[in-house]
All heavy atoms as atom14 arrays in JSON, in Angstrom:
{
  "sequence": "AIAWSKSATAKAKWRKPQASGVDGRAGGLGNENISISDTGTLASS",
  "atom14_mask": [
    [1, 1, 1, 1, 1, 0, 0, 0, 0, 0, 0, 0, 0, 0],
    [1, 1, 1, 1, 1, 1, 1, 1, 0, 0, 0, 0, 0, 0],
    [1, 1, 1, 1, 1, 0, 0, 0, 0, 0, 0, 0, 0, 0],
    [1, 1, 1, 1, 1, 1, 1, 1, 1, 1, 1, 1, 1, 1],
    [1, 1, 1, 1, 1, 1, 0, 0, 0, 0, 0, 0, 0, 0],
    [1, 1, 1, 1, 1, 1, 1, 1, 1, 0, 0, 0, 0, 0],
    [1, 1, 1, 1, 1, 1, 0, 0, 0, 0, 0, 0, 0, 0],
    [1, 1, 1, 1, 1, 0, 0, 0, 0, 0, 0, 0, 0, 0],
    [1, 1, 1, 1, 1, 1, 1, 0, 0, 0, 0, 0, 0, 0],
    [1, 1, 1, 1, 1, 0, 0, 0, 0, 0, 0, 0, 0, 0],
    [1, 1, 1, 1, 1, 1, 1, 1, 1, 0, 0, 0, 0, 0],
    [1, 1, 1, 1, 1, 0, 0, 0, 0, 0, 0, 0, 0, 0],
    [1, 1, 1, 1, 1, 1, 1, 1, 1, 0, 0, 0, 0, 0],
    [1, 1, 1, 1, 1, 1, 1, 1, 1, 1, 1, 1, 1, 1],
    [1, 1, 1, 1, 1, 1, 1, 1, 1, 1, 1, 0, 0, 0],
    [1, 1, 1, 1, 1, 1, 1, 1, 1, 0, 0, 0, 0, 0],
    [1, 1, 1, 1, 1, 1, 1, 0, 0, 0, 0, 0, 0, 0],
    [1, 1, 1, 1, 1, 1, 1, 1, 1, 0, 0, 0, 0, 0],
    [1, 1, 1, 1, 1, 0, 0, 0, 0, 0, 0, 0, 0, 0],
    [1, 1, 1, 1, 1, 1, 0, 0, 0, 0, 0, 0, 0, 0],
    [1, 1, 1, 1, 0, 0, 0, 0, 0, 0, 0, 0, 0, 0],
    [1, 1, 1, 1, 1, 1, 1, 0, 0, 0, 0, 0, 0, 0],
    [1, 1, 1, 1, 1, 1, 1, 1, 0, 0, 0, 0, 0, 0],
    [1, 1, 1, 1, 0, 0, 0, 0, 0, 0, 0, 0, 0, 0],
    [1, 1, 1, 1, 1, 1, 1, 1, 1, 1, 1, 0, 0, 0],
    [1, 1, 1, 1, 1, 0, 0, 0, 0, 0, 0, 0, 0, 0],
    [1, 1, 1, 1, 0, 0, 0, 0, 0, 0, 0, 0, 0, 0],
    [1, 1, 1, 1, 0, 0, 0, 0, 0, 0, 0, 0, 0, 0],
    [1, 1, 1, 1, 1, 1, 1, 1, 0, 0, 0, 0, 0, 0],
    [1, 1, 1, 1, 0, 0, 0, 0, 0, 0, 0, 0, 0, 0],
    [1, 1, 1, 1, 1, 1, 1, 1, 0, 0, 0, 0, 0, 0],
    [1, 1, 1, 1, 1, 1, 1, 1, 1, 0, 0, 0, 0, 0],
    [1, 1, 1, 1, 1, 1, 1, 1, 0, 0, 0, 0, 0, 0],
    [1, 1, 1, 1, 1, 1, 1, 1, 0, 0, 0, 0, 0, 0],
    [1, 1, 1, 1, 1, 1, 0, 0, 0, 0, 0, 0, 0, 0],
    [1, 1, 1, 1, 1, 1, 1, 1, 0, 0, 0, 0, 0, 0],
    [1, 1, 1, 1, 1, 1, 0, 0, 0, 0, 0, 0, 0, 0],
    [1, 1, 1, 1, 1, 1, 1, 1, 0, 0, 0, 0, 0, 0],
    [1, 1, 1, 1, 1, 1, 1, 0, 0, 0, 0, 0, 0, 0],
    [1, 1, 1, 1, 0, 0, 0, 0, 0, 0, 0, 0, 0, 0],
    [1, 1, 1, 1, 1, 1, 1, 0, 0, 0, 0, 0, 0, 0],
    [1, 1, 1, 1, 1, 1, 1, 1, 0, 0, 0, 0, 0, 0],
    [1, 1, 1, 1, 1, 0, 0, 0, 0, 0, 0, 0, 0, 0],
    [1, 1, 1, 1, 1, 1, 0, 0, 0, 0, 0, 0, 0, 0],
    [1, 1, 1, 1, 1, 1, 0, 0, 0, 0, 0, 0, 0, 0]
  ],
  "atom14_positions": [
    [[41.36, -109.34, 2.16], [41.01, -110.05, 3.38], [39.73, -110.83, 3.17], [38.89, -110.48, 2.35], [40.82, -109.08, 4.54], [0.0, 0.0, 0.0], [0.0, 0.0, 0.0], [0.0, 0.0, 0.0], [0.0, 0.0, 0.0], [0.0, 0.0, 0.0], [0.0, 0.0, 0.0], [0.0, 0.0, 0.0], [0.0, 0.0, 0.0], [0.0, 0.0, 0.0]],
    [[39.6, -111.93, 3.92], [38.37, -112.71, 3.89], [37.64, -112.47, 5.2], [38.23, -112.6, 6.28], [38.64, -114.21, 3.74], [39.33, -114.48, 2.41], [37.37, -115.01, 3.83], [39.64, -115.93, 2.2], [0.0, 0.0, 0.0], [0.0, 0.0, 0.0], [0.0, 0.0, 0.0], [0.0, 0.0, 0.0], [0.0, 0.0, 0.0], [0.0, 0.0, 0.0]],
    [[36.41, -112.11, 5.11], [35.58, -111.97, 6.32], [34.6, -113.11, 6.34], [33.83, -113.29, 5.42], [34.84, -110.64, 6.3], [0.0, 0.0, 0.0], [0.0, 0.0, 0.0], [0.0, 0.0, 0.0], [0.0, 0.0, 0.0], [0.0, 0.0, 0.0], [0.0, 0.0, 0.0], [0.0, 0.0, 0.0], [0.0, 0.0, 0.0], [0.0, 0.0, 0.0]],
    [[34.67, -113.91, 7.37], [33.8, -115.08, 7.48], [32.61, -114.73, 8.4], [32.79, -114.23, 9.49], [34.56, -116.25, 8.08], [35.71, -116.68, 7.23], [36.99, -116.28, 7.33], [35.66, -117.58, 6.15], [37.76, -116.86, 6.38], [36.96, -117.68, 5.64], [34.63, -118.33, 5.56], [37.28, -118.5, 4.57], [34.95, -119.15, 4.49], [36.25, -119.21, 4.0]],
    [[31.41, -115.0, 7.97], [30.22, -114.8, 8.81], [29.56, -116.13, 9.08], [29.52, -116.99, 8.21], [29.24, -113.85, 8.12], [28.8, -114.4, 6.91], [0.0, 0.0, 0.0], [0.0, 0.0, 0.0], [0.0, 0.0, 0.0], [0.0, 0.0, 0.0], [0.0, 0.0, 0.0], [0.0, 0.0, 0.0], [0.0, 0.0, 0.0], [0.0, 0.0, 0.0]],
    [[29.07, -116.29, 10.24], [28.5, -117.56, 10.66], [27.08, -117.69, 10.13], [26.19, -116.95, 10.49], [28.5, -117.64, 12.19], [28.04, -118.97, 12.73], [28.18, -118.98, 14.24], [27.75, -120.31, 14.83], [27.86, -120.31, 16.3], [0.0, 0.0, 0.0], [0.0, 0.0, 0.0], [0.0, 0.0, 0.0], [0.0, 0.0, 0.0], [0.0, 0.0, 0.0]],
    [[26.87, -118.67, 9.23], [25.54, -118.97, 8.72], [25.57, -120.36, 8.13], [26.63, -120.94, 7.93], [25.12, -117.96, 7.64], [25.91, -118.13, 6.49], [0.0, 0.0, 0.0], [0.0, 0.0, 0.0], [0.0, 0.0, 0.0], [0.0, 0.0, 0.0], [0.0, 0.0, 0.0], [0.0, 0.0, 0.0], [0.0, 0.0, 0.0], [0.0, 0.0, 0.0]],
    [[24.39, -120.9, 7.82], [24.32, -122.27, 7.3], [24.98, -122.36, 5.94], [25.52, -123.4, 5.57], [22.87, -122.73, 7.23], [0.0, 0.0, 0.0], [0.0, 0.0, 0.0], [0.0, 0.0, 0.0], [0.0, 0.0, 0.0], [0.0, 0.0, 0.0], [0.0, 0.0, 0.0], [0.0, 0.0, 0.0], [0.0, 0.0, 0.0], [0.0, 0.0, 0.0]],
    [[24.89, -121.31, 5.16], [25.52, -121.31, 3.83], [26.47, -120.13, 3.77], [26.3, -119.19, 2.99], [24.47, -121.2, 2.73], [23.71, -120.02, 2.93], [23.55, -122.42, 2.74], [0.0, 0.0, 0.0], [0.0, 0.0, 0.0], [0.0, 0.0, 0.0], [0.0, 0.0, 0.0], [0.0, 0.0, 0.0], [0.0, 0.0, 0.0], [0.0, 0.0, 0.0]],
    [[27.47, -120.17, 4.64], [28.37, -119.03, 4.78], [29.1, -118.75, 3.49], [29.51, -119.65, 2.79], [29.38, -119.32, 5.89], [0.0, 0.0, 0.0], [0.0, 0.0, 0.0], [0.0, 0.0, 0.0], [0.0, 0.0, 0.0], [0.0, 0.0, 0.0], [0.0, 0.0, 0.0], [0.0, 0.0, 0.0], [0.0, 0.0, 0.0], [0.0, 0.0, 0.0]],
    [[29.29, -117.46, 3.18], [30.07, -117.06, 2.02], [31.2, -116.15, 2.49], [31.01, -115.33, 3.38], [29.22, -116.31, 1.01], [28.21, -117.19, 0.28], [27.5, -116.39, -0.8], [26.54, -117.28, -1.57], [25.84, -116.52, -2.63], [0.0, 0.0, 0.0], [0.0, 0.0, 0.0], [0.0, 0.0, 0.0], [0.0, 0.0, 0.0], [0.0, 0.0, 0.0]],
    [[32.35, -116.3, 1.85], [33.47, -115.42, 2.16], [33.64, -114.45, 1.03], [33.68, -114.85, -0.12], [34.73, -116.23, 2.36], [0.0, 0.0, 0.0], [0.0, 0.0, 0.0], [0.0, 0.0, 0.0], [0.0, 0.0, 0.0], [0.0, 0.0, 0.0], [0.0, 0.0, 0.0], [0.0, 0.0, 0.0], [0.0, 0.0, 0.0], [0.0, 0.0, 0.0]],
    [[33.74, -113.18, 1.34], [33.92, -112.17, 0.32], [35.21, -111.41, 0.56], [35.61, -111.18, 1.69], [32.74, -111.19, 0.33], [31.41, -111.86, -0.01], [30.3, -110.83, -0.02], [28.98, -111.49, -0.38], [27.87, -110.5, -0.39], [0.0, 0.0, 0.0], [0.0, 0.0, 0.0], [0.0, 0.0, 0.0], [0.0, 0.0, 0.0], [0.0, 0.0, 0.0]],
    [[35.84, -110.99, -0.57], [37.09, -110.25, -0.47], [36.83, -108.79, -0.12], [35.91, -108.18, -0.64], [37.84, -110.32, -1.8], [38.34, -111.68, -2.08], [37.75, -112.64, -2.82], [39.55, -112.24, -1.62], [38.5, -113.77, -2.84], [39.62, -113.55, -2.11], [40.59, -111.77, -0.81], [40.67, -114.39, -1.84], [41.64, -112.61, -0.54], [41.66, -113.9, -1.05]],
    [[37.68, -108.24, 0.74], [37.66, -106.81, 0.98], [39.09, -106.35, 1.17], [39.99, -107.15, 1.43], [36.82, -106.47, 2.2], [37.45, -106.88, 3.52], [36.54, -106.63, 4.7], [37.22, -106.95, 5.94], [36.59, -107.26, 7.05], [35.27, -107.31, 7.06], [37.27, -107.53, 8.14], [0.0, 0.0, 0.0], [0.0, 0.0, 0.0], [0.0, 0.0, 0.0]],
    [[39.34, -105.1, 1.08], [40.68, -104.58, 1.22], [41.16, -104.75, 2.65], [40.39, -104.69, 3.59], [40.72, -103.11, 0.83], [40.49, -102.91, -0.66], [40.64, -101.46, -1.04], [40.44, -101.29, -2.54], [40.59, -99.9, -2.97], [0.0, 0.0, 0.0], [0.0, 0.0, 0.0], [0.0, 0.0, 0.0], [0.0, 0.0, 0.0], [0.0, 0.0, 0.0]],
    [[42.47, -104.95, 2.85], [42.99, -105.16, 4.2], [42.78, -103.95, 5.09], [42.8, -102.81, 4.63], [44.48, -105.44, 3.96], [44.77, -104.83, 2.63], [43.52, -104.98, 1.83], [0.0, 0.0, 0.0], [0.0, 0.0, 0.0], [0.0, 0.0, 0.0], [0.0, 0.0, 0.0], [0.0, 0.0, 0.0], [0.0, 0.0, 0.0], [0.0, 0.0, 0.0]],
    [[42.59, -104.2, 6.38], [42.38, -103.14, 7.35], [43.71, -102.49, 7.73], [44.78, -103.06, 7.56], [41.69, -103.71, 8.6], [40.39, -104.44, 8.28], [39.39, -103.51, 7.59], [39.17, -102.39, 8.05], [38.81, -103.96, 6.49], [0.0, 0.0, 0.0], [0.0, 0.0, 0.0], [0.0, 0.0, 0.0], [0.0, 0.0, 0.0], [0.0, 0.0, 0.0]],
    [[43.59, -101.32, 8.3], [44.8, -100.57, 8.65], [45.63, -101.28, 9.69], [46.84, -101.07, 9.8], [44.41, -99.19, 9.15], [0.0, 0.0, 0.0], [0.0, 0.0, 0.0], [0.0, 0.0, 0.0], [0.0, 0.0, 0.0], [0.0, 0.0, 0.0], [0.0, 0.0, 0.0], [0.0, 0.0, 0.0], [0.0, 0.0, 0.0], [0.0, 0.0, 0.0]],
    [[44.99, -102.13, 10.49], [45.74, -102.84, 11.53], [46.77, -103.78, 10.95], [47.74, -104.14, 11.6], [44.76, -103.63, 12.4], [44.03, -104.55, 11.59], [0.0, 0.0, 0.0], [0.0, 0.0, 0.0], [0.0, 0.0, 0.0], [0.0, 0.0, 0.0], [0.0, 0.0, 0.0], [0.0, 0.0, 0.0], [0.0, 0.0, 0.0], [0.0, 0.0, 0.0]],
    [[46.56, -104.21, 9.68], [47.53, -105.07, 9.03], [47.43, -106.5, 9.48], [47.54, -106.78, 10.67], [0.0, 0.0, 0.0], [0.0, 0.0, 0.0], [0.0, 0.0, 0.0], [0.0, 0.0, 0.0], [0.0, 0.0, 0.0], [0.0, 0.0, 0.0], [0.0, 0.0, 0.0], [0.0, 0.0, 0.0], [0.0, 0.0, 0.0], [0.0, 0.0, 0.0]],
    [[47.19, -107.41, 8.56], [47.12, -108.82, 8.88], [48.26, -109.52, 8.17], [48.73, -109.05, 7.14], [45.76, -109.41, 8.45], [45.55, -110.78, 9.04], [44.63, -108.49, 8.89], [0.0, 0.0, 0.0], [0.0, 0.0, 0.0], [0.0, 0.0, 0.0], [0.0, 0.0, 0.0], [0.0, 0.0, 0.0], [0.0, 0.0, 0.0], [0.0, 0.0, 0.0]],
    [[48.75, -110.61, 8.69], [50.0, -111.19, 8.21], [49.86, -111.97, 6.91], [50.82, -112.56, 6.44], [50.63, -112.1, 9.28], [49.77, -113.33, 9.57], [48.71, -113.48, 8.93], [50.18, -114.11, 10.46], [0.0, 0.0, 0.0], [0.0, 0.0, 0.0], [0.0, 0.0, 0.0], [0.0, 0.0, 0.0], [0.0, 0.0, 0.0], [0.0, 0.0, 0.0]],
    [[48.7, -112.01, 6.27], [48.57, -112.67, 4.98], [48.27, -114.13, 5.07], [48.32, -114.85, 4.08], [0.0, 0.0, 0.0], [0.0, 0.0, 0.0], [0.0, 0.0, 0.0], [0.0, 0.0, 0.0], [0.0, 0.0, 0.0], [0.0, 0.0, 0.0], [0.0, 0.0, 0.0], [0.0, 0.0, 0.0], [0.0, 0.0, 0.0], [0.0, 0.0, 0.0]],
    [[47.97, -114.67, 6.23], [47.68, -116.1, 6.35], [46.25, -116.29, 6.85], [45.79, -115.58, 7.74], [48.66, -116.76, 7.32], [50.09, -116.81, 6.8], [51.02, -117.31, 7.87], [51.05, -116.39, 9.0], [51.68, -116.65, 10.13], [52.29, -117.8, 10.32], [51.68, -115.76, 11.11], [0.0, 0.0, 0.0], [0.0, 0.0, 0.0], [0.0, 0.0, 0.0]],
    [[45.59, -117.3, 6.28], [44.27, -117.64, 6.78], [44.45, -118.59, 7.94], [45.17, -119.57, 7.84], [43.45, -118.29, 5.68], [0.0, 0.0, 0.0], [0.0, 0.0, 0.0], [0.0, 0.0, 0.0], [0.0, 0.0, 0.0], [0.0, 0.0, 0.0], [0.0, 0.0, 0.0], [0.0, 0.0, 0.0], [0.0, 0.0, 0.0], [0.0, 0.0, 0.0]],
    [[43.78, -118.34, 9.04], [43.98, -119.18, 10.21], [42.71, -119.86, 10.65], [41.66, -119.24, 10.78], [0.0, 0.0, 0.0], [0.0, 0.0, 0.0], [0.0, 0.0, 0.0], [0.0, 0.0, 0.0], [0.0, 0.0, 0.0], [0.0, 0.0, 0.0], [0.0, 0.0, 0.0], [0.0, 0.0, 0.0], [0.0, 0.0, 0.0], [0.0, 0.0, 0.0]],
    [[42.8, -121.16, 10.93], [41.72, -121.89, 11.55], [40.44, -121.93, 10.76], [39.37, -121.71, 11.31], [0.0, 0.0, 0.0], [0.0, 0.0, 0.0], [0.0, 0.0, 0.0], [0.0, 0.0, 0.0], [0.0, 0.0, 0.0], [0.0, 0.0, 0.0], [0.0, 0.0, 0.0], [0.0, 0.0, 0.0], [0.0, 0.0, 0.0], [0.0, 0.0, 0.0]],
    [[40.5, -122.19, 9.45], [39.28, -122.25, 8.66], [38.51, -123.53, 8.91], [37.34, -123.62, 8.59], [39.61, -122.12, 7.17], [40.28, -120.82, 6.73], [40.46, -120.8, 5.23], [39.47, -119.62, 7.19], [0.0, 0.0, 0.0], [0.0, 0.0, 0.0], [0.0, 0.0, 0.0], [0.0, 0.0, 0.0], [0.0, 0.0, 0.0], [0.0, 0.0, 0.0]],
    [[39.15, -124.55, 9.45], [38.46, -125.8, 9.74], [38.33, -126.69, 8.52], [39.25, -126.84, 7.74], [0.0, 0.0, 0.0], [0.0, 0.0, 0.0], [0.0, 0.0, 0.0], [0.0, 0.0, 0.0], [0.0, 0.0, 0.0], [0.0, 0.0, 0.0], [0.0, 0.0, 0.0], [0.0, 0.0, 0.0], [0.0, 0.0, 0.0], [0.0, 0.0, 0.0]],
    [[37.12, -127.26, 8.35], [36.9, -128.25, 7.29], [36.1, -127.66, 6.14], [35.2, -128.3, 5.6], [36.19, -129.47, 7.87], [36.14, -130.62, 6.89], [37.03, -130.76, 6.06], [35.09, -131.42, 6.98], [0.0, 0.0, 0.0], [0.0, 0.0, 0.0], [0.0, 0.0, 0.0], [0.0, 0.0, 0.0], [0.0, 0.0, 0.0], [0.0, 0.0, 0.0]],
    [[36.41, -126.41, 5.76], [35.67, -125.77, 4.69], [36.11, -126.29, 3.33], [37.29, -126.57, 3.1], [35.86, -124.25, 4.73], [35.03, -123.55, 5.78], [35.62, -123.74, 7.16], [36.81, -124.09, 7.25], [34.9, -123.53, 8.15], [0.0, 0.0, 0.0], [0.0, 0.0, 0.0], [0.0, 0.0, 0.0], [0.0, 0.0, 0.0], [0.0, 0.0, 0.0]],
    [[35.14, -126.39, 2.42], [35.42, -126.61, 1.01], [35.38, -125.26, 0.31], [34.36, -124.56, 0.36], [34.42, -127.56, 0.39], [34.48, -128.94, 1.01], [35.56, -129.42, 1.35], [33.32, -129.58, 1.17], [0.0, 0.0, 0.0], [0.0, 0.0, 0.0], [0.0, 0.0, 0.0], [0.0, 0.0, 0.0], [0.0, 0.0, 0.0], [0.0, 0.0, 0.0]],
    [[36.47, -124.89, -0.32], [36.62, -123.53, -0.85], [36.69, -123.57, -2.36], [37.45, -124.35, -2.94], [37.88, -122.87, -0.27], [37.78, -122.81, 1.25], [38.08, -121.48, -0.85], [39.04, -122.35, 1.94], [0.0, 0.0, 0.0], [0.0, 0.0, 0.0], [0.0, 0.0, 0.0], [0.0, 0.0, 0.0], [0.0, 0.0, 0.0], [0.0, 0.0, 0.0]],
    [[35.89, -122.74, -3.01], [35.91, -122.59, -4.46], [36.45, -121.21, -4.81], [35.99, -120.2, -4.26], [34.51, -122.76, -5.04], [34.03, -124.07, -4.83], [0.0, 0.0, 0.0], [0.0, 0.0, 0.0], [0.0, 0.0, 0.0], [0.0, 0.0, 0.0], [0.0, 0.0, 0.0], [0.0, 0.0, 0.0], [0.0, 0.0, 0.0], [0.0, 0.0, 0.0]],
    [[37.4, -121.16, -5.71], [38.01, -119.91, -6.14], [37.64, -119.69, -7.6], [37.98, -120.49, -8.47], [39.53, -119.94, -5.97], [39.9, -120.18, -4.5], [40.17, -118.66, -6.49], [41.38, -120.35, -4.25], [0.0, 0.0, 0.0], [0.0, 0.0, 0.0], [0.0, 0.0, 0.0], [0.0, 0.0, 0.0], [0.0, 0.0, 0.0], [0.0, 0.0, 0.0]],
    [[36.91, -118.64, -7.86], [36.42, -118.4, -9.22], [37.21, -117.32, -9.94], [36.78, -116.82, -10.98], [34.94, -118.01, -9.18], [34.73, -116.86, -8.39], [0.0, 0.0, 0.0], [0.0, 0.0, 0.0], [0.0, 0.0, 0.0], [0.0, 0.0, 0.0], [0.0, 0.0, 0.0], [0.0, 0.0, 0.0], [0.0, 0.0, 0.0], [0.0, 0.0, 0.0]],
    [[38.36, -116.96, -9.4], [39.2, -115.94, -10.04], [39.68, -116.38, -11.42], [39.93, -117.56, -11.67], [40.43, -115.64, -9.19], [40.14, -114.59, -8.13], [39.23, -114.84, -7.35], [40.82, -113.56, -8.13], [0.0, 0.0, 0.0], [0.0, 0.0, 0.0], [0.0, 0.0, 0.0], [0.0, 0.0, 0.0], [0.0, 0.0, 0.0], [0.0, 0.0, 0.0]],
    [[39.85, -115.43, -12.31], [40.61, -115.59, -13.54], [41.59, -114.42, -13.61], [41.58, -113.54, -12.76], [39.69, -115.58, -14.78], [38.95, -114.35, -14.79], [38.73, -116.76, -14.76], [0.0, 0.0, 0.0], [0.0, 0.0, 0.0], [0.0, 0.0, 0.0], [0.0, 0.0, 0.0], [0.0, 0.0, 0.0], [0.0, 0.0, 0.0], [0.0, 0.0, 0.0]],
    [[42.45, -114.44, -14.6], [43.47, -113.4, -14.67], [44.74, -113.85, -13.98], [45.21, -114.97, -14.19], [0.0, 0.0, 0.0], [0.0, 0.0, 0.0], [0.0, 0.0, 0.0], [0.0, 0.0, 0.0], [0.0, 0.0, 0.0], [0.0, 0.0, 0.0], [0.0, 0.0, 0.0], [0.0, 0.0, 0.0], [0.0, 0.0, 0.0], [0.0, 0.0, 0.0]],
    [[45.3, -113.02, -13.11], [46.56, -113.31, -12.44], [46.37, -113.28, -10.93], [45.71, -112.38, -10.4], [47.65, -112.3, -12.85], [47.83, -112.36, -14.26], [48.98, -112.63, -12.16], [0.0, 0.0, 0.0], [0.0, 0.0, 0.0], [0.0, 0.0, 0.0], [0.0, 0.0, 0.0], [0.0, 0.0, 0.0], [0.0, 0.0, 0.0], [0.0, 0.0, 0.0]],
    [[46.97, -114.25, -10.26], [46.82, -114.38, -8.81], [48.14, -114.87, -8.21], [48.79, -115.74, -8.78], [45.7, -115.37, -8.49], [45.37, -115.64, -7.01], [44.78, -114.39, -6.37], [44.41, -116.81, -6.9], [0.0, 0.0, 0.0], [0.0, 0.0, 0.0], [0.0, 0.0, 0.0], [0.0, 0.0, 0.0], [0.0, 0.0, 0.0], [0.0, 0.0, 0.0]],
    [[48.53, -114.3, -7.08], [49.72, -114.79, -6.38], [49.44, -116.19, -5.84], [48.43, -116.42, -5.17], [50.1, -113.86, -5.25], [0.0, 0.0, 0.0], [0.0, 0.0, 0.0], [0.0, 0.0, 0.0], [0.0, 0.0, 0.0], [0.0, 0.0, 0.0], [0.0, 0.0, 0.0], [0.0, 0.0, 0.0], [0.0, 0.0, 0.0], [0.0, 0.0, 0.0]],
    [[50.31, -117.13, -6.14], [50.08, -118.52, -5.72], [50.09, -118.66, -4.21], [49.54, -119.63, -3.66], [51.14, -119.44, -6.34], [52.44, -119.05, -5.94], [0.0, 0.0, 0.0], [0.0, 0.0, 0.0], [0.0, 0.0, 0.0], [0.0, 0.0, 0.0], [0.0, 0.0, 0.0], [0.0, 0.0, 0.0], [0.0, 0.0, 0.0], [0.0, 0.0, 0.0]],
    [[50.71, -117.7, -3.5], [50.71, -117.75, -2.03], [49.29, -117.67, -1.47], [49.02, -118.14, -0.36], [51.55, -116.61, -1.47], [51.09, -115.36, -1.94], [0.0, 0.0, 0.0], [0.0, 0.0, 0.0], [0.0, 0.0, 0.0], [0.0, 0.0, 0.0], [0.0, 0.0, 0.0], [0.0, 0.0, 0.0], [0.0, 0.0, 0.0], [0.0, 0.0, 0.0]]
  ]
}
């Protein structure tokens, strides 16, 4: 899961999904520029 916090230089960090269960889609991120620094294997979804 991505947790977004409101700040001038906001950072999104990964955490494990909550028990409530989220549908796997990011909603309403707006006009963010996103950098993904992962290597290895990642689901393209």
